[in-house]
């Protein structure tokens, strides 16, 4: 019964946490018994079971409960199979969605070598606009996951394609994540390539695209500022924030604090 498999999937994360805490007693239980179930249910015939399996997988990754070897040898291969060009449409949409969500939880090396090539292929998927839409909506997260070098070499050309997509929803999604993409690039790329691209979005024929671009204009401009002097940084959730001025309680004067750092993983991506 699908409902039984779904309920079972929902219990996998708490069981895995228990086994992690009791590892001396059950050193290989998760690897031998639970991990194969999670992987198998990612291809279950029932979509509710697959959804439960995907949610369980993300929780396990977030809690750092899956070994790096399992990620590379078990999880990534099944996602690459599901997102292959000849894969079923429903499976492909689900696979690209989970790839985008898990990218921020994996090591840069794993993402760049195992998932990035497939992501670039999916950005140009001519069959399913839903696949391209997911890629566009999560483009900033992928850039942040792989860093500046891979972004400029592999992702920026794909970003140009998506910004010129015939479906206006794709261009709108690109406008919404423009700041996150810009933050990952060098000042030169930002000036010479992204600025003209942004102008094309802000002059788009679709008013929804133009509106999204105008809403991203301020955040995009902020990426040109020097973070150390402007006090701007990107939070872990991808939003732009301003570092508050530190108050010296004893002197009642504004003094720069030595332990305030810019918590932007994007700027440390190189």
Foldseek 3Di string as FASTA:
>chain_A
DLVVLLVVLLCLQVVLVVCVVVCVVVVCCCVPPVLVSLLVQCPDPDVSSNVSSLVSVLSCLVVVSDDPCCCQPGVLVSLCVQCDLPHDPVSNLVSLLSLLSCLLSDALVCCVPRPVVSLLVQCPDPPDVSSVLSSLLSVLSSLLSNAAPCCVPRVVVSLLVQCPDPDVSSVQSNLQCVLSSLLRYDLVCLPPPVVVSLVCQCVDPDVSSVVSNVVCVVSSVCSNDDCVVQQWAADPVGDIDGHDFDADPVVRDTDHDPPDDHPHSSVVRD
